[in-house]
Amino acid sequence: RERRIRFYERNGAVLTQVRAQLFGVTY
């Protein structure tokens, strides 16, 4: 999961502080 986030950050995505729990899964 950390590697997936790093991939998007390397490609210009901004990691926010916002959390979302959708149908029991936290993102």
Full PDB file with SEQRES, HELIX, SHEET, SSBOND, CRYST1, ORIGX, SCALE, CONECT and MASTER records, all heavy atoms in Angstrom:
SEQRES   1 A   27  ARG GLU ARG ARG ILE ARG PHE TYR GLU ARG ASN GLY ALA          
SEQRES   2 A   27  VAL LEU THR GLN VAL ARG ALA GLN LEU PHE GLY VAL THR          
SEQRES   3 A   27  TYR                                                          
HELIX    1 AA1 GLU A    2  ARG A   10  1                                   9    
SHEET    1 AA1 2 GLN A  21  LEU A  22  0                                        
SHEET    2 AA1 2 VAL A  25  THR A  26 -1                                        
CRYST1    1.000    1.000    1.000  90.00  90.00  90.00 P 1           1          
ORIGX1      1.000000  0.000000  0.000000        0.00000                         
ORIGX2      0.000000  1.000000  0.000000        0.00000                         
ORIGX3      0.000000  0.000000  1.000000        0.00000                         
SCALE1      1.000000  0.000000  0.000000        0.00000                         
SCALE2      0.000000  1.000000  0.000000        0.00000                         
SCALE3      0.000000  0.000000  1.000000        0.00000                         
ATOM      1  N   ARG A   1       0.830  -1.208   0.000  1.00  0.00           N  
ATOM      2  CA  ARG A   1       0.000   0.000   0.000  1.00  0.00           C  
ATOM      3  C   ARG A   1       0.862   1.255   0.000  1.00  0.00           C  
ATOM      4  O   ARG A   1       0.542   2.236  -0.689  1.00  0.00           O  
ATOM      5  CB  ARG A   1      -0.938  -0.007   1.209  1.00  0.00           C  
ATOM      6  CG  ARG A   1      -1.976  -1.123   1.159  1.00  0.00           C  
ATOM      7  CD  ARG A   1      -2.867  -1.113   2.380  1.00  0.00           C  
ATOM      8  NE  ARG A   1      -3.869  -2.181   2.321  1.00  0.00           N  
ATOM      9  CZ  ARG A   1      -4.832  -2.362   3.214  1.00  0.00           C  
ATOM     10  NH1 ARG A   1      -4.920  -1.524   4.247  1.00  0.00           N  
ATOM     11  NH2 ARG A   1      -5.697  -3.350   3.083  1.00  0.00           N  
ATOM     12  N   GLU A   2       1.941   1.252   0.764  1.00  0.00           N  
ATOM     13  CA  GLU A   2       2.834   2.413   0.790  1.00  0.00           C  
ATOM     14  C   GLU A   2       3.510   2.599  -0.564  1.00  0.00           C  
ATOM     15  O   GLU A   2       3.687   3.733  -1.025  1.00  0.00           O  
ATOM     16  CB  GLU A   2       3.879   2.237   1.893  1.00  0.00           C  
ATOM     17  CG  GLU A   2       3.291   2.351   3.296  1.00  0.00           C  
ATOM     18  CD  GLU A   2       4.313   2.067   4.381  1.00  0.00           C  
ATOM     19  OE1 GLU A   2       5.369   1.457   4.064  1.00  0.00           O  
ATOM     20  OE2 GLU A   2       4.050   2.425   5.545  1.00  0.00           O  
ATOM     21  N   ARG A   3       3.873   1.496  -1.207  1.00  0.00           N  
ATOM     22  CA  ARG A   3       4.505   1.577  -2.527  1.00  0.00           C  
ATOM     23  C   ARG A   3       3.540   2.147  -3.556  1.00  0.00           C  
ATOM     24  O   ARG A   3       3.935   2.941  -4.422  1.00  0.00           O  
ATOM     25  CB  ARG A   3       4.988   0.180  -2.942  1.00  0.00           C  
ATOM     26  CG  ARG A   3       5.886   0.201  -4.164  1.00  0.00           C  
ATOM     27  CD  ARG A   3       6.673  -1.085  -4.305  1.00  0.00           C  
ATOM     28  NE  ARG A   3       5.816  -2.224  -4.566  1.00  0.00           N  
ATOM     29  CZ  ARG A   3       5.712  -3.286  -3.772  1.00  0.00           C  
ATOM     30  NH1 ARG A   3       6.385  -3.340  -2.630  1.00  0.00           N  
ATOM     31  NH2 ARG A   3       4.931  -4.297  -4.099  1.00  0.00           N  
ATOM     32  N   ARG A   4       2.278   1.773  -3.453  1.00  0.00           N  
ATOM     33  CA  ARG A   4       1.281   2.291  -4.388  1.00  0.00           C  
ATOM     34  C   ARG A   4       1.130   3.807  -4.224  1.00  0.00           C  
ATOM     35  O   ARG A   4       1.064   4.547  -5.207  1.00  0.00           O  
ATOM     36  CB  ARG A   4      -0.063   1.587  -4.140  1.00  0.00           C  
ATOM     37  CG  ARG A   4      -1.153   1.944  -5.142  1.00  0.00           C  
ATOM     38  CD  ARG A   4      -2.374   1.074  -4.902  1.00  0.00           C  
ATOM     39  NE  ARG A   4      -2.094  -0.324  -5.176  1.00  0.00           N  
ATOM     40  CZ  ARG A   4      -2.435  -1.330  -4.381  1.00  0.00           C  
ATOM     41  NH1 ARG A   4      -3.056  -1.094  -3.240  1.00  0.00           N  
ATOM     42  NH2 ARG A   4      -2.151  -2.578  -4.720  1.00  0.00           N  
ATOM     43  N   ILE A   5       1.094   4.274  -2.977  1.00  0.00           N  
ATOM     44  CA  ILE A   5       0.986   5.710  -2.730  1.00  0.00           C  
ATOM     45  C   ILE A   5       2.218   6.437  -3.259  1.00  0.00           C  
ATOM     46  O   ILE A   5       2.107   7.494  -3.886  1.00  0.00           O  
ATOM     47  CB  ILE A   5       0.787   5.975  -1.217  1.00  0.00           C  
ATOM     48  CG1 ILE A   5      -0.611   5.520  -0.782  1.00  0.00           C  
ATOM     49  CG2 ILE A   5       0.995   7.459  -0.894  1.00  0.00           C  
ATOM     50  CD1 ILE A   5      -0.839   5.566   0.715  1.00  0.00           C  
ATOM     51  N   ARG A   6       3.400   5.870  -3.017  1.00  0.00           N  
ATOM     52  CA  ARG A   6       4.632   6.501  -3.507  1.00  0.00           C  
ATOM     53  C   ARG A   6       4.642   6.591  -5.026  1.00  0.00           C  
ATOM     54  O   ARG A   6       5.133   7.572  -5.604  1.00  0.00           O  
ATOM     55  CB  ARG A   6       5.857   5.725  -3.014  1.00  0.00           C  
ATOM     56  CG  ARG A   6       6.131   5.854  -1.523  1.00  0.00           C  
ATOM     57  CD  ARG A   6       7.544   5.398  -1.182  1.00  0.00           C  
ATOM     58  NE  ARG A   6       7.780   3.993  -1.497  1.00  0.00           N  
ATOM     59  CZ  ARG A   6       7.570   2.978  -0.655  1.00  0.00           C  
ATOM     60  NH1 ARG A   6       7.116   3.220   0.563  1.00  0.00           N  
ATOM     61  NH2 ARG A   6       7.836   1.733  -1.023  1.00  0.00           N  
ATOM     62  N   PHE A   7       4.107   5.578  -5.698  1.00  0.00           N  
ATOM     63  CA  PHE A   7       4.038   5.613  -7.158  1.00  0.00           C  
ATOM     64  C   PHE A   7       3.243   6.828  -7.628  1.00  0.00           C  
ATOM     65  O   PHE A   7       3.689   7.576  -8.516  1.00  0.00           O  
ATOM     66  CB  PHE A   7       3.388   4.335  -7.695  1.00  0.00           C  
ATOM     67  CG  PHE A   7       2.917   4.441  -9.115  1.00  0.00           C  
ATOM     68  CD1 PHE A   7       3.830   4.393 -10.171  1.00  0.00           C  
ATOM     69  CD2 PHE A   7       1.569   4.624  -9.417  1.00  0.00           C  
ATOM     70  CE1 PHE A   7       3.407   4.516 -11.493  1.00  0.00           C  
ATOM     71  CE2 PHE A   7       1.136   4.741 -10.728  1.00  0.00           C  
ATOM     72  CZ  PHE A   7       2.055   4.684 -11.769  1.00  0.00           C  
ATOM     73  N   TYR A   8       2.077   7.039  -7.044  1.00  0.00           N  
ATOM     74  CA  TYR A   8       1.258   8.175  -7.476  1.00  0.00           C  
ATOM     75  C   TYR A   8       1.924   9.507  -7.122  1.00  0.00           C  
ATOM     76  O   TYR A   8       1.882  10.462  -7.907  1.00  0.00           O  
ATOM     77  CB  TYR A   8      -0.131   8.088  -6.855  1.00  0.00           C  
ATOM     78  CG  TYR A   8      -0.997   7.021  -7.485  1.00  0.00           C  
ATOM     79  CD1 TYR A   8      -1.469   5.942  -6.731  1.00  0.00           C  
ATOM     80  CD2 TYR A   8      -1.330   7.076  -8.831  1.00  0.00           C  
ATOM     81  CE1 TYR A   8      -2.261   4.956  -7.320  1.00  0.00           C  
ATOM     82  CE2 TYR A   8      -2.117   6.096  -9.420  1.00  0.00           C  
ATOM     83  CZ  TYR A   8      -2.581   5.038  -8.660  1.00  0.00           C  
ATOM     84  OH  TYR A   8      -3.352   4.057  -9.240  1.00  0.00           O  
ATOM     85  N   GLU A   9       2.568   9.574  -5.948  1.00  0.00           N  
ATOM     86  CA  GLU A   9       3.251  10.811  -5.572  1.00  0.00           C  
ATOM     87  C   GLU A   9       4.402  11.114  -6.526  1.00  0.00           C  
ATOM     88  O   GLU A   9       4.608  12.275  -6.904  1.00  0.00           O  
ATOM     89  CB  GLU A   9       3.771  10.710  -4.142  1.00  0.00           C  
ATOM     90  CG  GLU A   9       2.689  10.788  -3.086  1.00  0.00           C  
ATOM     91  CD  GLU A   9       3.271  10.874  -1.682  1.00  0.00           C  
ATOM     92  OE1 GLU A   9       3.913   9.894  -1.249  1.00  0.00           O  
ATOM     93  OE2 GLU A   9       3.098  11.918  -1.031  1.00  0.00           O  
ATOM     94  N   ARG A  10       5.163  10.102  -6.913  1.00  0.00           N  
ATOM     95  CA  ARG A  10       6.264  10.310  -7.854  1.00  0.00           C  
ATOM     96  C   ARG A  10       5.769  10.868  -9.175  1.00  0.00           C  
ATOM     97  O   ARG A  10       6.489  11.568  -9.882  1.00  0.00           O  
ATOM     98  CB  ARG A  10       6.989   8.991  -8.135  1.00  0.00           C  
ATOM     99  CG  ARG A  10       7.937   8.535  -7.088  1.00  0.00           C  
ATOM    100  CD  ARG A  10       8.922   7.500  -7.637  1.00  0.00           C  
ATOM    101  NE  ARG A  10       8.282   6.418  -8.357  1.00  0.00           N  
ATOM    102  CZ  ARG A  10       7.821   5.297  -7.805  1.00  0.00           C  
ATOM    103  NH1 ARG A  10       7.929   5.124  -6.493  1.00  0.00           N  
ATOM    104  NH2 ARG A  10       7.268   4.348  -8.536  1.00  0.00           N  
ATOM    105  N   ASN A  11       4.524  10.571  -9.486  1.00  0.00           N  
ATOM    106  CA  ASN A  11       3.975  11.004 -10.768  1.00  0.00           C  
ATOM    107  C   ASN A  11       3.050  12.213 -10.645  1.00  0.00           C  
ATOM    108  O   ASN A  11       2.198  12.446 -11.501  1.00  0.00           O  
ATOM    109  CB  ASN A  11       3.257   9.824 -11.427  1.00  0.00           C  
ATOM    110  CG  ASN A  11       4.237   8.798 -11.954  1.00  0.00           C  
ATOM    111  OD1 ASN A  11       4.897   9.006 -12.963  1.00  0.00           O  
ATOM    112  ND2 ASN A  11       4.383   7.685 -11.233  1.00  0.00           N  
ATOM    113  N   GLY A  12       3.246  12.980  -9.569  1.00  0.00           N  
ATOM    114  CA  GLY A  12       2.600  14.279  -9.465  1.00  0.00           C  
ATOM    115  C   GLY A  12       1.354  14.362  -8.630  1.00  0.00           C  
ATOM    116  O   GLY A  12       0.788  15.444  -8.471  1.00  0.00           O  
ATOM    117  N   ALA A  13       0.887  13.240  -8.080  1.00  0.00           N  
ATOM    118  CA  ALA A  13      -0.307  13.286  -7.238  1.00  0.00           C  
ATOM    119  C   ALA A  13       0.040  13.874  -5.875  1.00  0.00           C  
ATOM    120  O   ALA A  13       1.165  13.731  -5.386  1.00  0.00           O  
ATOM    121  CB  ALA A  13      -0.908  11.894  -7.076  1.00  0.00           C  
ATOM    122  N   VAL A  14      -0.924  14.536  -5.276  1.00  0.00           N  
ATOM    123  CA  VAL A  14      -0.770  15.114  -3.944  1.00  0.00           C  
ATOM    124  C   VAL A  14      -1.461  14.207  -2.938  1.00  0.00           C  
ATOM    125  O   VAL A  14      -2.654  13.904  -3.072  1.00  0.00           O  
ATOM    126  CB  VAL A  14      -1.384  16.525  -3.877  1.00  0.00           C  
ATOM    127  CG1 VAL A  14      -1.324  17.080  -2.457  1.00  0.00           C  
ATOM    128  CG2 VAL A  14      -0.675  17.466  -4.844  1.00  0.00           C  
ATOM    129  N   LEU A  15      -0.713  13.750  -1.934  1.00  0.00           N  
ATOM    130  CA  LEU A  15      -1.300  12.955  -0.851  1.00  0.00           C  
ATOM    131  C   LEU A  15      -1.894  13.909   0.163  1.00  0.00           C  
ATOM    132  O   LEU A  15      -1.184  14.720   0.762  1.00  0.00           O  
ATOM    133  CB  LEU A  15      -0.231  12.082  -0.197  1.00  0.00           C  
ATOM    134  CG  LEU A  15      -0.693  11.251   1.011  1.00  0.00           C  
ATOM    135  CD1 LEU A  15      -1.751  10.235   0.601  1.00  0.00           C  
ATOM    136  CD2 LEU A  15       0.498  10.556   1.667  1.00  0.00           C  
ATOM    137  N   THR A  16      -3.195  13.841   0.353  1.00  0.00           N  
ATOM    138  CA  THR A  16      -3.871  14.735   1.292  1.00  0.00           C  
ATOM    139  C   THR A  16      -3.938  14.091   2.671  1.00  0.00           C  
ATOM    140  O   THR A  16      -3.601  12.926   2.855  1.00  0.00           O  
ATOM    141  CB  THR A  16      -5.294  15.063   0.810  1.00  0.00           C  
ATOM    142  OG1 THR A  16      -6.165  13.938   1.051  1.00  0.00           O  
ATOM    143  CG2 THR A  16      -5.310  15.411  -0.681  1.00  0.00           C  
ATOM    144  N   GLN A  17      -4.417  14.853   3.624  1.00  0.00           N  
ATOM    145  CA  GLN A  17      -4.646  14.325   4.969  1.00  0.00           C  
ATOM    146  C   GLN A  17      -6.021  13.680   5.104  1.00  0.00           C  
ATOM    147  O   GLN A  17      -6.325  13.062   6.123  1.00  0.00           O  
ATOM    148  CB  GLN A  17      -4.495  15.445   5.999  1.00  0.00           C  
ATOM    149  CG  GLN A  17      -3.078  15.991   6.123  1.00  0.00           C  
ATOM    150  CD  GLN A  17      -2.088  14.910   6.485  1.00  0.00           C  
ATOM    151  OE1 GLN A  17      -2.288  14.153   7.431  1.00  0.00           O  
ATOM    152  NE2 GLN A  17      -1.016  14.830   5.718  1.00  0.00           N  
ATOM    153  N   VAL A  18      -6.840  13.827   4.087  1.00  0.00           N  
ATOM    154  CA  VAL A  18      -8.217  13.335   4.152  1.00  0.00           C  
ATOM    155  C   VAL A  18      -8.259  11.813   4.120  1.00  0.00           C  
ATOM    156  O   VAL A  18      -7.570  11.177   3.319  1.00  0.00           O  
ATOM    157  CB  VAL A  18      -9.058  13.913   2.997  1.00  0.00           C  
ATOM    158  CG1 VAL A  18     -10.447  13.291   2.957  1.00  0.00           C  
ATOM    159  CG2 VAL A  18      -9.153  15.433   3.126  1.00  0.00           C  
ATOM    160  N   ARG A  19      -9.044  11.247   5.015  1.00  0.00           N  
ATOM    161  CA  ARG A  19      -9.334   9.824   5.011  1.00  0.00           C  
ATOM    162  C   ARG A  19     -10.768   9.608   4.555  1.00  0.00           C  
ATOM    163  O   ARG A  19     -11.640  10.453   4.792  1.00  0.00           O  
ATOM    164  CB  ARG A  19      -9.182   9.218   6.398  1.00  0.00           C  
ATOM    165  CG  ARG A  19      -7.809   8.661   6.730  1.00  0.00           C  
ATOM    166  CD  ARG A  19      -6.754   9.696   6.778  1.00  0.00           C  
ATOM    167  NE  ARG A  19      -5.532   9.179   7.428  1.00  0.00           N  
ATOM    168  CZ  ARG A  19      -4.447   9.882   7.619  1.00  0.00           C  
ATOM    169  NH1 ARG A  19      -4.395  11.150   7.213  1.00  0.00           N  
ATOM    170  NH2 ARG A  19      -3.384   9.358   8.194  1.00  0.00           N  
ATOM    171  N   ALA A  20     -10.993   8.480   3.909  1.00  0.00           N  
ATOM    172  CA  ALA A  20     -12.342   8.118   3.479  1.00  0.00           C  
ATOM    173  C   ALA A  20     -12.576   6.657   3.832  1.00  0.00           C  
ATOM    174  O   ALA A  20     -11.778   5.789   3.466  1.00  0.00           O  
ATOM    175  CB  ALA A  20     -12.499   8.329   1.972  1.00  0.00           C  
ATOM    176  N   GLN A  21     -13.645   6.409   4.553  1.00  0.00           N  
ATOM    177  CA  GLN A  21     -14.048   5.038   4.827  1.00  0.00           C  
ATOM    178  C   GLN A  21     -15.266   4.744   3.972  1.00  0.00           C  
ATOM    179  O   GLN A  21     -16.325   5.361   4.123  1.00  0.00           O  
ATOM    180  CB  GLN A  21     -14.377   4.842   6.304  1.00  0.00           C  
ATOM    181  CG  GLN A  21     -14.571   3.380   6.677  1.00  0.00           C  
ATOM    182  CD  GLN A  21     -14.760   3.183   8.156  1.00  0.00           C  
ATOM    183  OE1 GLN A  21     -15.814   3.507   8.698  1.00  0.00           O  
ATOM    184  NE2 GLN A  21     -13.743   2.663   8.837  1.00  0.00           N  
ATOM    185  N   LEU A  22     -15.094   3.816   3.022  1.00  0.00           N  
ATOM    186  CA  LEU A  22     -16.124   3.507   2.055  1.00  0.00           C  
ATOM    187  C   LEU A  22     -16.491   2.034   2.168  1.00  0.00           C  
ATOM    188  O   LEU A  22     -15.646   1.162   1.961  1.00  0.00           O  
ATOM    189  CB  LEU A  22     -15.630   3.803   0.626  1.00  0.00           C  
ATOM    190  CG  LEU A  22     -14.858   5.110   0.409  1.00  0.00           C  
ATOM    191  CD1 LEU A  22     -14.352   5.197  -1.010  1.00  0.00           C  
ATOM    192  CD2 LEU A  22     -15.731   6.300   0.758  1.00  0.00           C  
ATOM    193  N   PHE A  23     -17.727   1.784   2.546  1.00  0.00           N  
ATOM    194  CA  PHE A  23     -18.195   0.415   2.686  1.00  0.00           C  
ATOM    195  C   PHE A  23     -17.251  -0.407   3.569  1.00  0.00           C  
ATOM    196  O   PHE A  23     -16.942  -1.562   3.287  1.00  0.00           O  
ATOM    197  CB  PHE A  23     -18.368  -0.240   1.309  1.00  0.00           C  
ATOM    198  CG  PHE A  23     -19.341   0.477   0.426  1.00  0.00           C  
ATOM    199  CD1 PHE A  23     -18.888   1.377  -0.546  1.00  0.00           C  
ATOM    200  CD2 PHE A  23     -20.708   0.292   0.569  1.00  0.00           C  
ATOM    201  CE1 PHE A  23     -19.789   2.056  -1.363  1.00  0.00           C  
ATOM    202  CE2 PHE A  23     -21.616   0.968  -0.231  1.00  0.00           C  
ATOM    203  CZ  PHE A  23     -21.160   1.845  -1.199  1.00  0.00           C  
ATOM    204  N   GLY A  24     -16.764   0.219   4.646  1.00  0.00           N  
ATOM    205  CA  GLY A  24     -15.948  -0.474   5.625  1.00  0.00           C  
ATOM    206  C   GLY A  24     -14.462  -0.482   5.355  1.00  0.00           C  
ATOM    207  O   GLY A  24     -13.677  -0.972   6.176  1.00  0.00           O  
ATOM    208  N   VAL A  25     -14.015   0.054   4.223  1.00  0.00           N  
ATOM    209  CA  VAL A  25     -12.585   0.073   3.863  1.00  0.00           C  
ATOM    210  C   VAL A  25     -12.063   1.505   3.986  1.00  0.00           C  
ATOM    211  O   VAL A  25     -12.680   2.442   3.467  1.00  0.00           O  
ATOM    212  CB  VAL A  25     -12.350  -0.456   2.439  1.00  0.00           C  
ATOM    213  CG1 VAL A  25     -10.868  -0.405   2.095  1.00  0.00           C  
ATOM    214  CG2 VAL A  25     -12.895  -1.870   2.296  1.00  0.00           C  
ATOM    215  N   THR A  26     -10.916   1.675   4.668  1.00  0.00           N  
ATOM    216  CA  THR A  26     -10.351   3.000   4.881  1.00  0.00           C  
ATOM    217  C   THR A  26      -9.302   3.315   3.822  1.00  0.00           C  
ATOM    218  O   THR A  26      -8.415   2.493   3.558  1.00  0.00           O  
ATOM    219  CB  THR A  26      -9.717   3.109   6.273  1.00  0.00           C  
ATOM    220  OG1 THR A  26     -10.712   2.824   7.264  1.00  0.00           O  
ATOM    221  CG2 THR A  26      -9.159   4.520   6.512  1.00  0.00           C  
ATOM    222  N   TYR A  27      -9.406   4.515   3.236  1.00  0.00           N  
ATOM    223  CA  TYR A  27      -8.505   4.936   2.163  1.00  0.00           C  
ATOM    224  C   TYR A  27      -7.781   6.224   2.537  1.00  0.00           C  
ATOM    225  O   TYR A  27      -8.332   7.086   3.232  1.00  0.00           O  
ATOM    226  CB  TYR A  27      -9.291   5.201   0.870  1.00  0.00           C  
ATOM    227  CG  TYR A  27      -9.945   3.974   0.282  1.00  0.00           C  
ATOM    228  CD1 TYR A  27     -11.253   3.634   0.621  1.00  0.00           C  
ATOM    229  CD2 TYR A  27      -9.270   3.152  -0.615  1.00  0.00           C  
ATOM    230  CE1 TYR A  27     -11.865   2.510   0.082  1.00  0.00           C  
ATOM    231  CE2 TYR A  27      -9.872   2.028  -1.152  1.00  0.00           C  
ATOM    232  CZ  TYR A  27     -11.174   1.715  -0.801  1.00  0.00           C  
ATOM    233  OH  TYR A  27     -11.766   0.598  -1.329  1.00  0.00           O  
TER     234      TYR A  27                                                      
MASTER        0    0    0    1    2    0    0    6  233    1    0    3          
END                                                                             
